[in-house]
N, C-alpha and C. Protein backbone atom coordinates (compact mmCIF):
# COMPACT_ATOMS: atom_id res chain seq x y z
N MET A 1 0.89 -1.24 0.10
CA MET A 1 -0.05 -0.10 -0.03
C MET A 1 0.90 1.09 0.17
N GLN A 2 1.92 1.20 0.68
CA GLN A 2 2.80 2.41 0.82
C GLN A 2 3.59 2.59 -0.65
N LYS A 3 3.78 1.64 -1.39
CA LYS A 3 4.23 1.67 -2.73
C LYS A 3 3.60 2.43 -3.58
N LYS A 4 2.26 2.12 -3.50
CA LYS A 4 1.24 2.53 -4.20
C LYS A 4 1.05 4.10 -3.86
N GLY A 5 1.25 4.38 -2.69
CA GLY A 5 1.23 5.94 -2.45
C GLY A 5 2.60 6.76 -2.79
N ILE A 6 3.64 6.03 -2.78
CA ILE A 6 4.71 6.78 -3.56
C ILE A 6 4.47 6.99 -5.00
N LEU A 7 3.92 5.88 -5.87
CA LEU A 7 3.68 5.92 -7.15
C LEU A 7 2.70 6.97 -7.28
N ILE A 8 1.55 7.23 -6.71
CA ILE A 8 0.72 8.20 -6.90
C ILE A 8 1.47 9.66 -6.80
N ARG A 9 2.28 9.81 -5.64
CA ARG A 9 3.05 11.11 -5.64
C ARG A 9 4.08 11.47 -6.61
N ILE A 10 4.68 10.33 -7.07
CA ILE A 10 5.75 10.49 -8.27
C ILE A 10 5.02 11.04 -9.56
N TYR A 11 3.68 9.95 -9.65
CA TYR A 11 3.08 10.43 -11.17
C TYR A 11 2.29 11.90 -11.01
N ILE A 12 1.94 12.35 -9.61
CA ILE A 12 1.59 13.68 -9.64
C ILE A 12 2.34 14.80 -10.12
N PHE A 13 3.61 14.33 -9.44
CA PHE A 13 4.74 15.34 -9.58
C PHE A 13 5.08 15.62 -10.87
N ILE A 14 5.16 14.52 -11.68
CA ILE A 14 5.85 14.42 -13.14
C ILE A 14 4.59 15.12 -13.91
N SER A 15 3.03 14.91 -13.46
CA SER A 15 2.17 15.46 -14.33
C SER A 15 2.14 16.99 -13.94
N ALA A 16 2.56 17.30 -12.68
CA ALA A 16 2.52 18.90 -12.25
C ALA A 16 3.92 19.40 -12.95
N LEU A 17 4.90 18.76 -13.35
CA LEU A 17 6.08 19.43 -14.24
C LEU A 17 5.67 19.60 -15.40
N ILE A 18 4.53 18.81 -15.95
CA ILE A 18 4.21 18.86 -17.35
C ILE A 18 3.07 20.18 -17.40
N VAL A 19 2.39 20.34 -16.52
CA VAL A 19 1.44 21.31 -16.61
C VAL A 19 2.17 22.61 -16.25
N LEU A 20 3.27 22.83 -15.23
CA LEU A 20 3.99 24.06 -15.08
C LEU A 20 4.64 24.14 -16.44
N ASP A 21 5.33 23.36 -17.11
CA ASP A 21 5.80 23.76 -18.30
C ASP A 21 4.99 24.31 -19.26
N VAL A 22 3.67 23.76 -19.44
CA VAL A 22 3.06 24.29 -20.51
C VAL A 22 2.65 25.66 -20.24
N ILE A 23 2.25 25.85 -18.93
CA ILE A 23 1.82 27.31 -18.37
C ILE A 23 2.98 28.26 -18.60
N LEU A 24 4.06 27.98 -18.23
CA LEU A 24 5.43 28.77 -18.46
C LEU A 24 5.52 29.07 -19.84
N TYR A 25 5.37 28.12 -20.67
CA TYR A 25 5.61 28.41 -22.15
C TYR A 25 4.45 29.23 -22.91
N TYR A 26 3.46 28.91 -22.21
CA TYR A 26 2.37 29.61 -22.81
C TYR A 26 2.11 31.10 -22.22
N TYR A 27 2.42 31.47 -21.44
CA TYR A 27 2.27 32.87 -20.67
C TYR A 27 3.47 33.40 -20.90
N TRP A 28 4.68 33.10 -20.59
CA TRP A 28 5.81 33.82 -20.63
C TRP A 28 7.05 33.19 -21.52
N GLN A 29 6.70 32.27 -22.51
CA GLN A 29 7.60 31.81 -23.46
C GLN A 29 8.98 31.52 -22.45
N ILE A 30 8.82 30.81 -21.48
CA ILE A 30 9.83 30.18 -20.77
C ILE A 30 9.81 28.56 -20.78
N SER A 31 10.99 27.80 -20.90
CA SER A 31 10.64 26.39 -20.78
C SER A 31 11.86 25.95 -19.81
N PHE A 32 11.75 24.55 -19.40
CA PHE A 32 12.94 23.98 -18.81
C PHE A 32 14.33 24.26 -19.57
N THR A 33 15.12 24.33 -18.91
CA THR A 33 16.65 24.62 -19.59
C THR A 33 16.82 23.23 -20.51
N GLY A 34 17.13 23.86 -21.84
CA GLY A 34 17.81 22.62 -22.85
C GLY A 34 16.40 22.44 -23.62
N TYR A 35 16.75 22.09 -24.79
CA TYR A 35 15.78 21.58 -25.44
C TYR A 35 15.24 20.27 -25.33
N TRP A 36 15.89 19.35 -24.84
CA TRP A 36 15.28 17.99 -24.54
C TRP A 36 14.74 17.88 -23.19
N SER A 37 14.72 18.59 -22.20
CA SER A 37 14.22 18.57 -20.78
C SER A 37 12.88 18.46 -21.09
N ASP A 38 12.07 19.22 -21.81
CA ASP A 38 10.66 19.08 -21.83
C ASP A 38 10.16 17.88 -22.31
N ARG A 39 11.03 17.38 -23.38
CA ARG A 39 10.48 16.22 -24.05
C ARG A 39 10.65 14.97 -23.29
N ILE A 40 11.74 15.11 -22.27
CA ILE A 40 12.20 13.80 -21.54
C ILE A 40 11.28 13.66 -20.37
N ILE A 41 10.74 14.82 -19.92
CA ILE A 41 9.55 14.81 -18.98
C ILE A 41 8.23 14.31 -19.54
N PHE A 42 7.77 14.75 -20.78
CA PHE A 42 6.73 14.23 -21.47
C PHE A 42 6.91 12.77 -21.76
N TRP A 43 7.99 12.04 -22.09
CA TRP A 43 8.22 10.64 -22.36
C TRP A 43 8.17 10.09 -20.90
N ILE A 44 8.65 10.46 -20.21
CA ILE A 44 8.47 9.72 -18.56
C ILE A 44 7.20 9.67 -18.22
N TRP A 45 6.25 10.80 -18.44
CA TRP A 45 4.87 11.00 -18.12
C TRP A 45 4.09 9.71 -19.07
N LEU A 46 4.48 9.94 -20.46
CA LEU A 46 3.99 9.25 -21.29
C LEU A 46 3.99 7.54 -21.10
N LEU A 47 5.24 7.18 -20.71
CA LEU A 47 5.47 5.65 -20.34
C LEU A 47 4.98 5.39 -18.89
N ALA A 48 5.07 6.45 -17.81
CA ALA A 48 4.36 6.00 -16.68
C ALA A 48 3.06 5.99 -16.50
N THR A 49 2.37 6.43 -17.53
CA THR A 49 0.93 6.43 -17.42
C THR A 49 0.29 5.24 -17.35
N PRO A 50 0.65 4.25 -18.55
CA PRO A 50 -0.01 3.05 -18.53
C PRO A 50 0.29 2.37 -17.24
N LEU A 51 1.50 2.29 -16.86
CA LEU A 51 1.64 1.68 -15.34
C LEU A 51 1.02 2.44 -14.25
N PHE A 52 0.70 3.36 -14.43
CA PHE A 52 0.02 3.84 -13.15
C PHE A 52 -1.37 3.64 -13.15
N ILE A 53 -2.15 3.57 -14.60
CA ILE A 53 -3.45 3.15 -14.91
C ILE A 53 -3.60 1.89 -14.30
N LEU A 54 -2.64 0.92 -14.93
CA LEU A 54 -2.68 -0.50 -14.52
C LEU A 54 -2.78 -1.00 -13.11
N SER A 55 -1.90 -0.23 -12.49
CA SER A 55 -1.59 -0.46 -11.07
C SER A 55 -2.92 0.08 -10.11
N PHE A 56 -3.61 0.98 -10.76
CA PHE A 56 -5.10 1.32 -9.91
C PHE A 56 -6.14 1.09 -10.76
N TRP A 57 -6.14 0.09 -11.70
CA TRP A 57 -7.45 -0.20 -12.35
C TRP A 57 -8.53 -0.17 -11.64
N LYS A 58 -8.64 -0.84 -10.49
CA LYS A 58 -9.94 -1.19 -9.78
C LYS A 58 -10.49 0.11 -9.38
N LYS A 59 -9.82 1.16 -9.18
CA LYS A 59 -10.66 2.36 -8.53
C LYS A 59 -11.31 3.18 -9.69
N LEU A 60 -12.41 3.69 -9.23
CA LEU A 60 -13.31 4.21 -10.15
C LEU A 60 -12.61 5.57 -10.80
N TRP A 61 -12.09 6.21 -10.18
CA TRP A 61 -11.14 7.42 -10.50
C TRP A 61 -10.21 7.26 -11.52
N ILE A 62 -9.57 6.19 -11.47
CA ILE A 62 -8.76 5.87 -12.66
C ILE A 62 -9.31 5.55 -13.81
N LYS A 63 -10.50 4.68 -13.72
CA LYS A 63 -11.16 4.53 -14.80
C LYS A 63 -11.72 5.80 -15.60
N ILE A 64 -11.91 6.56 -14.79
CA ILE A 64 -12.40 8.07 -15.39
C ILE A 64 -11.35 8.78 -15.91
N TYR A 65 -10.40 8.74 -15.27
CA TYR A 65 -9.03 9.45 -15.92
C TYR A 65 -8.65 8.61 -17.38
N PHE A 66 -8.61 7.51 -17.33
CA PHE A 66 -8.40 6.84 -18.40
C PHE A 66 -8.98 7.09 -19.74
N TRP A 67 -10.68 7.21 -19.37
CA TRP A 67 -11.37 7.45 -20.24
C TRP A 67 -11.07 9.03 -20.79
N LEU A 68 -11.11 9.86 -19.72
CA LEU A 68 -10.68 11.14 -20.34
C LEU A 68 -9.44 11.30 -21.27
N LEU A 69 -8.33 10.44 -20.96
CA LEU A 69 -7.20 10.58 -21.54
C LEU A 69 -7.54 10.03 -23.20
N VAL A 70 -8.32 9.06 -23.15
CA VAL A 70 -8.91 8.32 -24.47
C VAL A 70 -9.41 9.34 -25.23
N ALA A 71 -10.57 10.12 -24.58
CA ALA A 71 -11.37 11.06 -25.18
C ALA A 71 -10.38 12.37 -25.60
N GLY A 72 -9.69 12.54 -24.85
CA GLY A 72 -8.61 13.70 -25.15
C GLY A 72 -7.74 13.24 -26.50
N LEU A 73 -7.34 12.05 -26.59
CA LEU A 73 -6.71 11.55 -27.88
C LEU A 73 -7.46 11.66 -29.00
N VAL A 74 -8.79 11.09 -28.68
CA VAL A 74 -9.66 11.17 -29.99
C VAL A 74 -10.26 12.46 -30.40
N PHE A 75 -10.47 13.18 -29.46
CA PHE A 75 -10.51 14.75 -29.80
C PHE A 75 -9.54 15.66 -30.41
N SER A 76 -8.37 14.86 -30.28
CA SER A 76 -7.16 15.65 -30.74
C SER A 76 -7.19 15.39 -32.18
N ILE A 77 -7.55 14.05 -32.55
CA ILE A 77 -7.24 13.58 -34.07
C ILE A 77 -8.53 13.90 -34.67
N ILE A 78 -9.62 14.21 -34.21
CA ILE A 78 -10.81 14.69 -35.07
C ILE A 78 -10.70 15.89 -36.00
N PRO A 79 -10.02 16.90 -35.43
CA PRO A 79 -9.99 18.08 -36.31
C PRO A 79 -8.68 17.84 -37.25
N MET A 80 -8.79 16.86 -38.28
CA MET A 80 -7.79 16.92 -39.08
C MET A 80 -6.29 16.21 -38.35
N ALA A 81 -6.64 15.91 -37.26
CA ALA A 81 -5.18 15.37 -36.37
C ALA A 81 -4.17 16.67 -36.13
N LEU A 82 -4.64 17.82 -36.37
CA LEU A 82 -3.92 18.88 -36.13
C LEU A 82 -3.35 19.18 -34.68
N PRO A 83 -4.13 18.99 -33.52
CA PRO A 83 -3.44 18.99 -32.12
C PRO A 83 -2.62 17.91 -32.18
N PHE A 84 -3.09 16.58 -32.57
CA PHE A 84 -2.32 15.22 -32.53
C PHE A 84 -0.76 15.49 -32.97
N PHE A 85 -0.90 15.95 -34.21
CA PHE A 85 0.69 16.31 -34.87
C PHE A 85 1.32 17.18 -34.15
N GLY A 86 0.64 18.17 -33.72
CA GLY A 86 1.29 19.04 -32.68
C GLY A 86 2.12 18.65 -31.48
N ILE A 87 1.20 17.73 -30.89
CA ILE A 87 1.71 17.08 -29.66
C ILE A 87 2.78 15.89 -30.10
N LEU A 88 2.67 15.60 -31.22
CA LEU A 88 3.80 14.28 -31.42
C LEU A 88 5.14 15.13 -32.13
N LEU A 89 5.00 16.13 -32.91
CA LEU A 89 6.19 16.88 -33.27
C LEU A 89 6.93 17.67 -32.16
N SER A 90 6.15 18.02 -31.22
CA SER A 90 6.68 18.75 -30.04
C SER A 90 7.56 17.69 -29.23
N GLY A 91 6.79 16.83 -28.89
CA GLY A 91 6.93 15.76 -27.97
C GLY A 91 8.31 14.95 -28.43
N SER A 92 8.23 14.64 -29.87
CA SER A 92 9.26 13.69 -30.16
C SER A 92 10.51 14.48 -30.46
N GLY A 93 10.59 15.82 -30.76
CA GLY A 93 11.58 16.64 -31.11
C GLY A 93 11.93 16.61 -32.55
N SER A 94 10.87 15.94 -33.43
CA SER A 94 11.11 16.04 -34.90
C SER A 94 10.65 17.23 -35.41
N GLY A 95 9.97 18.14 -34.74
CA GLY A 95 9.59 19.37 -35.01
C GLY A 95 10.65 20.65 -35.05
N ARG A 96 11.89 20.37 -34.46
CA ARG A 96 12.85 21.12 -34.76
C ARG A 96 14.03 20.71 -36.09
N LEU A 97 13.82 21.70 -36.74
CA LEU A 97 14.30 21.52 -38.10
C LEU A 97 15.94 21.86 -38.19
N ASN A 98 16.19 22.52 -37.43
CA ASN A 98 17.64 23.34 -37.57
C ASN A 98 18.02 23.92 -36.33
N HIS A 99 19.35 23.93 -35.71
CA HIS A 99 19.62 24.83 -34.63
C HIS A 99 21.10 25.05 -34.57
N PHE A 100 21.52 26.01 -34.20
CA PHE A 100 22.78 26.54 -33.99
C PHE A 100 22.98 27.29 -32.64
N SER A 101 24.14 26.74 -32.19
CA SER A 101 24.50 27.72 -30.78
C SER A 101 25.37 28.93 -30.99
N LEU A 102 24.80 30.04 -30.65
CA LEU A 102 25.72 31.44 -30.78
C LEU A 102 26.34 31.40 -29.32
N ASP A 103 27.11 32.49 -29.34
CA ASP A 103 27.73 33.09 -28.25
C ASP A 103 26.75 33.64 -27.30
N ASN A 104 27.19 34.04 -25.82
CA ASN A 104 26.36 34.46 -25.03
C ASN A 104 25.21 33.67 -24.64
N ASN A 105 25.23 32.33 -24.71
CA ASN A 105 23.99 31.32 -24.25
C ASN A 105 22.90 31.59 -25.16
N ILE A 106 23.02 31.81 -26.37
CA ILE A 106 21.86 32.27 -27.36
C ILE A 106 21.91 30.90 -28.19
N ARG A 107 20.70 30.70 -28.77
CA ARG A 107 20.61 29.65 -29.66
C ARG A 107 19.57 29.99 -30.52
N VAL A 108 19.99 29.55 -32.01
CA VAL A 108 18.70 30.00 -32.95
C VAL A 108 18.36 28.49 -33.43
N GLN A 109 17.15 28.44 -33.56
CA GLN A 109 16.54 27.19 -33.89
C GLN A 109 15.30 27.36 -34.80
N THR A 110 14.94 26.45 -35.58
CA THR A 110 14.05 26.39 -36.55
C THR A 110 13.03 25.51 -36.20
N VAL A 111 11.84 25.86 -35.77
CA VAL A 111 10.82 24.80 -35.45
C VAL A 111 9.62 24.58 -36.25
N GLY A 112 9.03 23.58 -36.27
CA GLY A 112 7.52 23.57 -37.14
C GLY A 112 6.97 22.61 -36.48
N TYR A 113 6.06 23.11 -35.51
CA TYR A 113 4.97 22.14 -34.67
C TYR A 113 3.89 21.95 -35.07
N GLY A 114 3.64 22.30 -36.29
CA GLY A 114 2.24 22.17 -37.00
C GLY A 114 2.53 21.53 -38.34
N VAL A 115 1.36 20.77 -38.77
CA VAL A 115 1.62 20.36 -40.20
C VAL A 115 0.91 21.41 -41.19
N MET A 116 0.23 22.27 -41.04
CA MET A 116 -0.28 23.45 -41.80
C MET A 116 0.30 24.58 -41.69
N GLY A 117 1.19 24.96 -40.69
CA GLY A 117 1.95 26.13 -40.54
C GLY A 117 3.23 26.23 -41.23
N ARG A 118 3.91 27.22 -41.44
CA ARG A 118 5.03 27.61 -41.83
C ARG A 118 6.10 27.26 -40.64
N PRO A 119 7.31 26.94 -40.82
CA PRO A 119 8.16 26.71 -39.83
C PRO A 119 8.57 28.29 -39.11
N ARG A 120 9.00 28.09 -37.80
CA ARG A 120 9.30 29.57 -37.27
C ARG A 120 10.60 29.48 -36.59
N ILE A 121 11.19 30.64 -36.66
CA ILE A 121 12.72 30.67 -36.21
C ILE A 121 12.52 31.26 -34.85
N GLN A 122 13.30 30.80 -33.85
CA GLN A 122 13.14 31.13 -32.46
C GLN A 122 14.67 31.48 -31.91
N LEU A 123 14.80 32.62 -31.36
CA LEU A 123 16.03 32.69 -30.65
C LEU A 123 15.94 32.66 -29.47
N VAL A 124 16.50 31.79 -28.69
CA VAL A 124 16.44 31.36 -27.11
C VAL A 124 17.54 31.60 -26.47
N ARG A 125 17.41 32.41 -25.24
CA ARG A 125 18.47 32.68 -24.21
C ARG A 125 18.56 31.37 -23.39
N ASP A 126 19.63 30.67 -23.25
CA ASP A 126 19.81 29.57 -22.06
C ASP A 126 19.90 30.27 -20.80
N GLY A 127 19.19 29.78 -19.99
CA GLY A 127 19.44 29.91 -18.41
C GLY A 127 19.67 28.94 -17.59
N PHE A 128 19.79 28.92 -16.43
CA PHE A 128 20.34 27.93 -15.57
C PHE A 128 19.23 26.91 -15.16
N LEU A 129 17.98 27.50 -15.03
CA LEU A 129 16.85 26.51 -14.81
C LEU A 129 16.05 26.63 -15.78
N PHE A 130 15.91 27.85 -16.57
CA PHE A 130 15.00 28.10 -17.57
C PHE A 130 15.70 28.43 -18.79
N ASP A 131 14.98 28.29 -19.93
CA ASP A 131 15.36 29.00 -21.20
C ASP A 131 14.20 30.03 -21.63
N LYS A 132 14.63 30.96 -22.17
CA LYS A 132 13.47 32.29 -22.47
C LYS A 132 13.62 32.33 -23.93
N ILE A 133 12.34 32.18 -24.45
CA ILE A 133 12.46 32.78 -26.17
C ILE A 133 12.37 34.17 -26.10
N LEU A 134 13.49 34.51 -26.86
CA LEU A 134 13.52 36.11 -27.06
C LEU A 134 12.73 36.48 -28.23
N LEU A 135 12.80 35.76 -29.48
CA LEU A 135 12.15 36.14 -30.56
C LEU A 135 11.59 34.73 -31.33
N GLU A 136 10.35 34.95 -31.74
CA GLU A 136 9.68 33.77 -32.58
C GLU A 136 9.15 34.58 -33.79
N ASP A 137 9.51 34.06 -35.02
CA ASP A 137 9.02 34.81 -35.95
C ASP A 137 9.37 34.07 -37.41
N ALA A 138 8.54 34.40 -38.39
CA ALA A 138 8.85 33.67 -39.70
C ALA A 138 10.34 33.43 -39.97
N GLU A 139 10.59 32.16 -40.70
CA GLU A 139 11.84 31.75 -40.74
C GLU A 139 12.27 32.13 -42.16
N GLU A 140 11.89 33.04 -42.93
CA GLU A 140 12.43 33.43 -44.06
C GLU A 140 13.19 34.77 -43.82
N ILE A 141 14.07 34.91 -44.61
CA ILE A 141 15.17 36.18 -44.29
C ILE A 141 15.17 36.83 -45.80
N LYS A 142 14.92 38.02 -45.87
CA LYS A 142 14.76 38.79 -47.18
C LYS A 142 16.19 39.26 -47.66
N LYS A 143 16.57 38.74 -48.78
CA LYS A 143 17.91 38.97 -49.33
C LYS A 143 17.79 40.19 -50.06
N ASN A 144 16.97 40.26 -50.80
CA ASN A 144 16.55 41.40 -51.55
C ASN A 144 15.29 41.38 -52.14
N ASP A 145 14.75 42.40 -53.02
CA ASP A 145 13.36 42.43 -53.32
C ASP A 145 12.71 41.36 -53.79
N SER A 146 13.20 40.28 -54.32
CA SER A 146 12.77 39.23 -54.84
C SER A 146 13.20 37.82 -54.31
N THR A 147 14.17 37.89 -53.47
CA THR A 147 14.66 36.56 -53.06
C THR A 147 14.67 36.42 -51.54
N TRP A 148 14.13 35.44 -50.98
CA TRP A 148 14.07 34.96 -49.43
C TRP A 148 14.93 33.85 -49.41
N LEU A 149 15.37 33.73 -48.17
CA LEU A 149 16.32 32.54 -47.89
C LEU A 149 15.70 32.10 -46.71
N GLU A 150 15.52 30.39 -46.15
CA GLU A 150 15.12 29.95 -45.15
C GLU A 150 16.04 29.49 -44.32
N VAL A 151 15.97 30.00 -43.10
CA VAL A 151 16.75 29.62 -42.09
C VAL A 151 17.05 28.12 -41.91
N ARG A 152 16.09 27.25 -42.12
CA ARG A 152 16.37 25.84 -41.82
C ARG A 152 17.50 25.29 -43.03
N ASN A 153 17.57 26.16 -43.93
CA ASN A 153 18.75 25.53 -45.14
C ASN A 153 20.03 25.98 -44.84
N ALA A 154 20.05 26.88 -43.81
CA ALA A 154 21.42 27.28 -43.33
C ALA A 154 22.42 26.27 -42.77
N LYS A 155 23.71 26.43 -43.21
CA LYS A 155 24.56 25.53 -42.68
C LYS A 155 25.45 26.07 -41.27
N ASN A 156 25.37 27.17 -41.10
CA ASN A 156 25.98 27.67 -39.85
C ASN A 156 25.20 29.29 -39.56
N ALA A 157 25.45 29.53 -38.23
CA ALA A 157 25.11 30.84 -37.97
C ALA A 157 26.07 31.28 -36.85
N LYS A 158 26.35 32.66 -36.86
CA LYS A 158 27.21 33.51 -36.13
C LYS A 158 26.62 34.63 -35.46
N LEU A 159 26.81 34.88 -34.30
CA LEU A 159 26.17 36.04 -33.49
C LEU A 159 27.29 37.29 -33.89
N VAL A 160 26.76 38.40 -34.45
CA VAL A 160 27.41 39.50 -34.74
C VAL A 160 27.49 40.42 -33.74
N SER A 161 26.32 40.88 -33.21
CA SER A 161 26.36 41.71 -32.21
C SER A 161 25.07 41.49 -31.48
N GLU A 162 24.92 42.17 -30.15
CA GLU A 162 23.52 42.13 -29.50
C GLU A 162 23.48 43.00 -28.57
N SER A 163 22.25 43.67 -28.56
CA SER A 163 21.92 44.90 -27.72
C SER A 163 20.58 44.62 -26.73
N ASP A 164 20.09 45.40 -26.20
CA ASP A 164 18.98 45.07 -25.45
C ASP A 164 17.83 44.92 -26.29
N SER A 165 17.69 45.41 -27.61
CA SER A 165 16.65 45.50 -28.35
C SER A 165 16.61 44.79 -29.44
N SER A 166 17.81 44.18 -29.90
CA SER A 166 17.95 43.64 -31.29
C SER A 166 19.20 42.51 -31.13
N ILE A 167 19.23 41.51 -31.99
CA ILE A 167 20.27 40.61 -31.85
C ILE A 167 20.65 40.31 -33.63
N THR A 168 21.64 40.92 -33.93
CA THR A 168 22.38 40.47 -35.17
C THR A 168 23.02 39.16 -35.42
N VAL A 169 22.58 38.51 -36.61
CA VAL A 169 23.13 37.05 -36.67
C VAL A 169 23.39 37.08 -38.16
N LYS A 170 24.48 36.44 -38.45
CA LYS A 170 25.00 36.24 -39.95
C LYS A 170 24.78 34.65 -39.94
N TYR A 171 24.11 34.32 -41.19
CA TYR A 171 23.67 33.07 -41.43
C TYR A 171 24.52 32.71 -42.50
N PHE A 172 25.15 31.35 -42.56
CA PHE A 172 25.98 31.02 -43.66
C PHE A 172 25.22 30.04 -44.44
N PHE A 173 24.79 30.21 -45.63
CA PHE A 173 24.23 29.00 -46.60
C PHE A 173 25.19 28.47 -47.36
N GLU A 174 24.86 27.43 -48.02
CA GLU A 174 25.69 26.66 -49.23
C GLU A 174 26.33 27.56 -50.17
N LYS A 175 25.72 28.37 -50.93
CA LYS A 175 26.30 29.32 -51.80
C LYS A 175 26.05 31.06 -51.22
N ASP A 176 25.79 31.18 -50.23
CA ASP A 176 25.43 32.60 -49.91
C ASP A 176 25.77 32.70 -48.51
N THR A 177 25.89 34.20 -48.23
CA THR A 177 26.03 34.72 -46.69
C THR A 177 25.03 35.84 -46.32
N LEU A 178 24.25 35.72 -45.34
CA LEU A 178 23.53 36.83 -45.20
C LEU A 178 23.45 37.26 -43.75
N GLN A 179 23.44 38.71 -43.43
CA GLN A 179 23.52 39.11 -42.01
C GLN A 179 22.07 39.70 -41.86
N THR A 180 21.42 39.57 -40.73
CA THR A 180 20.28 39.98 -40.67
C THR A 180 20.06 40.27 -39.19
N GLU A 181 19.12 41.26 -38.58
CA GLU A 181 19.09 42.00 -37.41
C GLU A 181 17.69 41.34 -37.16
N HIS A 182 17.55 40.78 -35.79
CA HIS A 182 16.27 40.29 -35.33
C HIS A 182 15.91 41.34 -34.22
N ILE A 183 14.82 41.85 -34.14
CA ILE A 183 14.09 42.68 -33.17
C ILE A 183 13.72 41.86 -32.03
N SER A 184 14.36 42.12 -30.78
CA SER A 184 14.37 41.04 -29.66
C SER A 184 12.90 41.59 -28.68
N LYS A 185 11.94 40.49 -28.29
CA LYS A 185 11.11 41.14 -27.64
C LYS A 185 11.26 40.70 -26.03
N GLU A 186 12.50 40.56 -25.77
CA GLU A 186 12.76 40.36 -24.28
C GLU A 186 12.54 41.57 -23.53
N LYS A 187 11.85 41.18 -22.13
CA LYS A 187 11.67 42.20 -21.23
C LYS A 187 13.20 42.28 -20.42
N THR A 188 13.53 43.56 -20.58
CA THR A 188 15.01 43.55 -20.01
C THR A 188 14.93 43.46 -18.41
N SER A 189 13.73 43.75 -17.90
CA SER A 189 13.77 43.95 -16.47
C SER A 189 13.18 42.38 -15.85
N PHE A 190 13.01 41.45 -16.64
CA PHE A 190 12.70 40.22 -16.40
C PHE A 190 13.87 39.44 -15.93
N ASN A 191 13.96 39.02 -14.67
CA ASN A 191 15.29 38.16 -14.35
C ASN A 191 14.69 36.76 -13.99
N TYR A 192 15.27 35.62 -14.83
CA TYR A 192 14.78 34.54 -14.62
C TYR A 192 16.24 33.82 -14.26
């Protein structure tokens, strides 16, 4: 009986971490440090859920919880599976198309977490416990009036300069080099 109490506490703790991560990302564009930490927590929760459900299957509340999870899965597939693929792409890490580590604990990554939307570029500042998204924008960079380059096709990136309001990055493509200035949305007074 005491082992089941420990299992409940561990499962609730992992579930609370996922809920905390979703709230931090949605409201403040902050996630746990590192790209893979969120995904590892998600996969631990996903693998622990069947064990948790099987351990407590005789309880009424666990049957209700199971059917709520099944209904959530079904309802995420009904609208052309868009929410399902969003969860799949973000949870598996296959939604990150390209990434580069720059100086000053900044990384540039191209992400595409939706099947119908265009990929987005994110500039992320790595912190000790949390990472902060400084900028999220379309991943195309204007070279001239008629030519746009996609950051996901870049071979490398280098930080040129950084200020409170902007970050200048030079992208190296197979046959081209392009320097662009990204306007940062970071709150300078927010200390994480």
